[in-house]
N, C-alpha and C. Protein backbone atom coordinates (compact mmCIF):
# COMPACT_ATOMS: atom_id res chain seq x y z
N MET A 1 129.36 -67.84 60.38
CA MET A 1 130.47 -68.43 59.64
C MET A 1 130.06 -69.82 59.17
N LEU A 2 130.26 -70.10 57.92
CA LEU A 2 129.91 -71.37 57.32
C LEU A 2 131.14 -72.27 57.28
N THR A 3 131.01 -73.47 57.83
CA THR A 3 132.13 -74.41 57.80
C THR A 3 131.73 -75.64 57.02
N ILE A 4 132.69 -76.24 56.36
CA ILE A 4 132.46 -77.46 55.59
C ILE A 4 133.23 -78.58 56.28
N HIS A 5 132.49 -79.58 56.74
CA HIS A 5 133.10 -80.71 57.44
C HIS A 5 133.50 -81.80 56.45
N CYS A 6 134.54 -82.52 56.79
CA CYS A 6 134.92 -83.65 55.97
C CYS A 6 133.87 -84.74 56.10
N LEU A 7 133.92 -85.70 55.22
CA LEU A 7 132.90 -86.75 55.19
C LEU A 7 132.87 -87.56 56.49
N ALA A 8 134.03 -87.89 57.04
CA ALA A 8 134.07 -88.67 58.28
C ALA A 8 133.42 -87.90 59.43
N HIS A 9 133.67 -86.60 59.50
CA HIS A 9 133.09 -85.80 60.57
C HIS A 9 131.58 -85.68 60.38
N ARG A 10 131.13 -85.50 59.15
CA ARG A 10 129.70 -85.43 58.89
C ARG A 10 129.02 -86.74 59.24
N LEU A 11 129.69 -87.86 58.94
CA LEU A 11 129.14 -89.17 59.30
C LEU A 11 129.04 -89.31 60.81
N GLN A 12 130.07 -88.86 61.51
CA GLN A 12 130.05 -88.90 62.97
C GLN A 12 128.91 -88.05 63.53
N LEU A 13 128.73 -86.86 63.00
CA LEU A 13 127.65 -85.99 63.46
C LEU A 13 126.28 -86.62 63.21
N ALA A 14 126.12 -87.26 62.06
CA ALA A 14 124.85 -87.93 61.75
C ALA A 14 124.61 -89.11 62.68
N LEU A 15 125.68 -89.84 62.97
CA LEU A 15 125.56 -90.99 63.88
C LEU A 15 125.19 -90.53 65.28
N ILE A 16 125.80 -89.48 65.75
CA ILE A 16 125.49 -88.95 67.08
C ILE A 16 124.04 -88.47 67.13
N ALA A 17 123.61 -87.75 66.12
CA ALA A 17 122.23 -87.24 66.10
C ALA A 17 121.23 -88.38 66.08
N SER A 18 121.51 -89.42 65.28
CA SER A 18 120.57 -90.54 65.21
C SER A 18 120.63 -91.41 66.45
N SER A 19 121.81 -91.52 67.08
CA SER A 19 121.91 -92.37 68.26
C SER A 19 121.17 -91.78 69.45
N ARG A 20 120.99 -90.48 69.45
CA ARG A 20 120.23 -89.86 70.53
C ARG A 20 118.75 -90.19 70.43
N GLU A 21 118.31 -90.55 69.24
CA GLU A 21 116.91 -90.93 69.03
C GLU A 21 116.63 -92.34 69.56
N VAL A 22 117.62 -93.24 69.47
CA VAL A 22 117.44 -94.63 69.90
C VAL A 22 118.30 -94.83 71.14
N ILE A 23 117.65 -95.04 72.27
CA ILE A 23 118.35 -95.10 73.56
C ILE A 23 119.36 -96.24 73.61
N HIS A 24 119.02 -97.42 73.08
CA HIS A 24 119.95 -98.56 73.12
C HIS A 24 121.23 -98.28 72.33
N VAL A 25 121.08 -97.63 71.20
CA VAL A 25 122.25 -97.28 70.38
C VAL A 25 123.09 -96.24 71.11
N HIS A 26 122.45 -95.28 71.74
CA HIS A 26 123.17 -94.25 72.49
C HIS A 26 123.96 -94.88 73.65
N HIS A 27 123.34 -95.80 74.39
CA HIS A 27 124.05 -96.47 75.49
C HIS A 27 125.23 -97.30 74.97
N PHE A 28 125.03 -97.96 73.83
CA PHE A 28 126.11 -98.76 73.25
C PHE A 28 127.32 -97.90 72.93
N PHE A 29 127.10 -96.77 72.25
CA PHE A 29 128.22 -95.92 71.88
C PHE A 29 128.85 -95.22 73.09
N THR A 30 128.05 -94.96 74.11
CA THR A 30 128.60 -94.39 75.34
C THR A 30 129.54 -95.38 76.00
N LYS A 31 129.11 -96.63 76.10
CA LYS A 31 129.97 -97.67 76.69
C LYS A 31 131.19 -97.93 75.83
N LEU A 32 131.00 -97.92 74.52
CA LEU A 32 132.13 -98.13 73.61
C LEU A 32 133.18 -97.04 73.77
N THR A 33 132.74 -95.81 73.97
CA THR A 33 133.66 -94.70 74.20
C THR A 33 134.47 -94.92 75.46
N TYR A 34 133.83 -95.38 76.53
CA TYR A 34 134.55 -95.66 77.77
C TYR A 34 135.59 -96.76 77.57
N ILE A 35 135.21 -97.81 76.85
CA ILE A 35 136.14 -98.92 76.62
C ILE A 35 137.35 -98.44 75.81
N VAL A 36 137.11 -97.68 74.77
CA VAL A 36 138.21 -97.18 73.93
C VAL A 36 139.13 -96.29 74.76
N ASN A 37 138.57 -95.44 75.61
CA ASN A 37 139.39 -94.56 76.44
C ASN A 37 140.22 -95.35 77.45
N ILE A 38 139.63 -96.37 78.06
CA ILE A 38 140.36 -97.18 79.05
C ILE A 38 141.49 -97.95 78.39
N VAL A 39 141.18 -98.62 77.29
CA VAL A 39 142.19 -99.44 76.61
C VAL A 39 143.28 -98.55 76.00
N GLY A 40 142.89 -97.42 75.45
CA GLY A 40 143.87 -96.53 74.82
C GLY A 40 144.78 -95.83 75.81
N ALA A 41 144.30 -95.63 77.04
CA ALA A 41 145.10 -94.89 78.02
C ALA A 41 146.06 -95.79 78.78
N SER A 42 145.87 -97.09 78.73
CA SER A 42 146.69 -97.99 79.53
C SER A 42 147.43 -98.97 78.62
N CYS A 43 148.74 -98.98 78.71
CA CYS A 43 149.55 -99.92 77.92
C CYS A 43 149.23 -101.35 78.33
N LYS A 44 149.02 -101.57 79.62
CA LYS A 44 148.71 -102.92 80.11
C LYS A 44 147.38 -103.40 79.54
N HIS A 45 146.35 -102.56 79.56
CA HIS A 45 145.06 -102.95 79.02
C HIS A 45 145.14 -103.16 77.51
N ASN A 46 145.92 -102.33 76.84
CA ASN A 46 146.10 -102.46 75.41
C ASN A 46 146.76 -103.79 75.07
N GLU A 47 147.78 -104.15 75.83
CA GLU A 47 148.48 -105.42 75.61
C GLU A 47 147.56 -106.61 75.89
N GLU A 48 146.74 -106.52 76.94
CA GLU A 48 145.80 -107.59 77.25
C GLU A 48 144.78 -107.75 76.13
N LEU A 49 144.32 -106.66 75.55
CA LEU A 49 143.37 -106.72 74.44
C LEU A 49 144.02 -107.38 73.23
N LYS A 50 145.25 -107.02 72.92
CA LYS A 50 145.95 -107.64 71.79
C LYS A 50 146.13 -109.14 72.00
N ASN A 51 146.48 -109.54 73.23
CA ASN A 51 146.64 -110.96 73.53
C ASN A 51 145.31 -111.70 73.39
N ALA A 52 144.23 -111.10 73.87
CA ALA A 52 142.91 -111.73 73.76
C ALA A 52 142.51 -111.86 72.29
N GLN A 53 142.81 -110.86 71.47
CA GLN A 53 142.50 -110.93 70.05
C GLN A 53 143.33 -112.03 69.37
N ALA A 54 144.59 -112.17 69.75
CA ALA A 54 145.45 -113.20 69.17
C ALA A 54 144.92 -114.59 69.51
N VAL A 55 144.48 -114.78 70.74
CA VAL A 55 143.91 -116.07 71.16
C VAL A 55 142.63 -116.36 70.37
N GLU A 56 141.80 -115.34 70.20
CA GLU A 56 140.55 -115.51 69.45
C GLU A 56 140.83 -115.87 68.00
N ILE A 57 141.81 -115.23 67.39
CA ILE A 57 142.16 -115.53 65.99
C ILE A 57 142.71 -116.94 65.87
N GLU A 58 143.56 -117.36 66.81
CA GLU A 58 144.09 -118.73 66.80
C GLU A 58 142.95 -119.74 66.92
N HIS A 59 141.98 -119.44 67.77
CA HIS A 59 140.83 -120.34 67.94
C HIS A 59 140.02 -120.42 66.65
N MET A 60 139.79 -119.28 66.00
CA MET A 60 139.01 -119.27 64.77
C MET A 60 139.74 -120.03 63.65
N ILE A 61 141.06 -119.93 63.60
CA ILE A 61 141.84 -120.66 62.60
C ILE A 61 141.76 -122.15 62.89
N ALA A 62 141.83 -122.53 64.17
CA ALA A 62 141.81 -123.94 64.56
C ALA A 62 140.50 -124.62 64.18
N ILE A 63 139.39 -123.90 64.24
CA ILE A 63 138.10 -124.52 63.90
C ILE A 63 137.68 -124.19 62.47
N ASP A 64 138.61 -123.71 61.66
CA ASP A 64 138.39 -123.38 60.25
C ASP A 64 137.26 -122.37 60.04
N GLU A 65 137.07 -121.49 60.99
CA GLU A 65 136.08 -120.43 60.82
C GLU A 65 136.68 -119.22 60.12
N LEU A 66 138.01 -119.13 60.14
CA LEU A 66 138.70 -118.00 59.54
C LEU A 66 139.59 -118.52 58.43
N VAL A 67 139.38 -118.03 57.23
CA VAL A 67 140.19 -118.45 56.09
C VAL A 67 141.36 -117.50 55.97
N THR A 68 142.56 -118.06 55.90
CA THR A 68 143.75 -117.22 55.79
C THR A 68 144.45 -117.52 54.48
N ARG A 69 144.48 -116.52 53.62
CA ARG A 69 145.22 -116.61 52.37
C ARG A 69 145.90 -115.29 52.14
N LYS A 70 147.01 -115.32 51.47
CA LYS A 70 147.72 -114.08 51.18
C LYS A 70 146.90 -113.23 50.22
N ARG A 71 146.89 -111.96 50.48
CA ARG A 71 146.26 -110.95 49.64
C ARG A 71 144.75 -111.17 49.49
N MET A 72 144.13 -111.85 50.44
CA MET A 72 142.71 -112.13 50.34
C MET A 72 141.87 -110.87 50.48
N ASN A 73 142.30 -109.95 51.33
CA ASN A 73 141.50 -108.76 51.61
C ASN A 73 141.93 -107.54 50.81
N GLN A 74 142.81 -107.73 49.86
CA GLN A 74 143.27 -106.60 49.07
C GLN A 74 142.31 -106.33 47.92
N ILE A 75 142.01 -105.09 47.70
CA ILE A 75 141.12 -104.71 46.61
C ILE A 75 141.89 -104.72 45.29
N GLY A 76 143.09 -104.23 45.31
CA GLY A 76 143.91 -104.18 44.11
C GLY A 76 145.36 -104.05 44.49
N THR A 77 146.22 -104.07 43.51
CA THR A 77 147.64 -103.91 43.78
C THR A 77 148.18 -102.75 42.96
N LEU A 78 149.22 -102.14 43.44
CA LEU A 78 149.85 -101.05 42.74
C LEU A 78 150.87 -101.60 41.76
N GLN A 79 151.04 -100.93 40.66
CA GLN A 79 152.05 -101.31 39.69
C GLN A 79 153.42 -101.01 40.27
N GLY A 80 154.37 -101.86 40.00
CA GLY A 80 155.73 -101.63 40.44
C GLY A 80 156.37 -100.47 39.69
N ALA A 81 157.40 -99.91 40.29
CA ALA A 81 158.13 -98.82 39.62
C ALA A 81 158.85 -99.36 38.40
N SER A 82 158.85 -98.59 37.33
CA SER A 82 159.52 -99.04 36.11
C SER A 82 160.37 -97.91 35.55
N ASP A 83 161.23 -98.28 34.64
CA ASP A 83 162.09 -97.28 33.99
C ASP A 83 161.23 -96.39 33.09
N THR A 84 161.64 -95.15 32.96
CA THR A 84 160.89 -94.22 32.11
C THR A 84 161.40 -94.19 30.69
N ARG A 85 162.49 -94.88 30.41
CA ARG A 85 163.05 -94.87 29.05
C ARG A 85 162.64 -96.09 28.29
């Protein structure tokens, strides 16, 4: 049976195949998987991660390492709804 995988799944399969070739990359993704599972399974750990990220962002803003402007990361904007007549 022939199956066609979506692009994200094909990318994941390629990443897994290549990471098995490089031991350091394989260990990194193995540890990353454990971290994601631990944080995702625990509301307390998830909240602690969010708080740590908020503190890090505040620190980056304080030392002007992070530029904050509205719509800075947007690629484009959608046109507003208009009348058809």
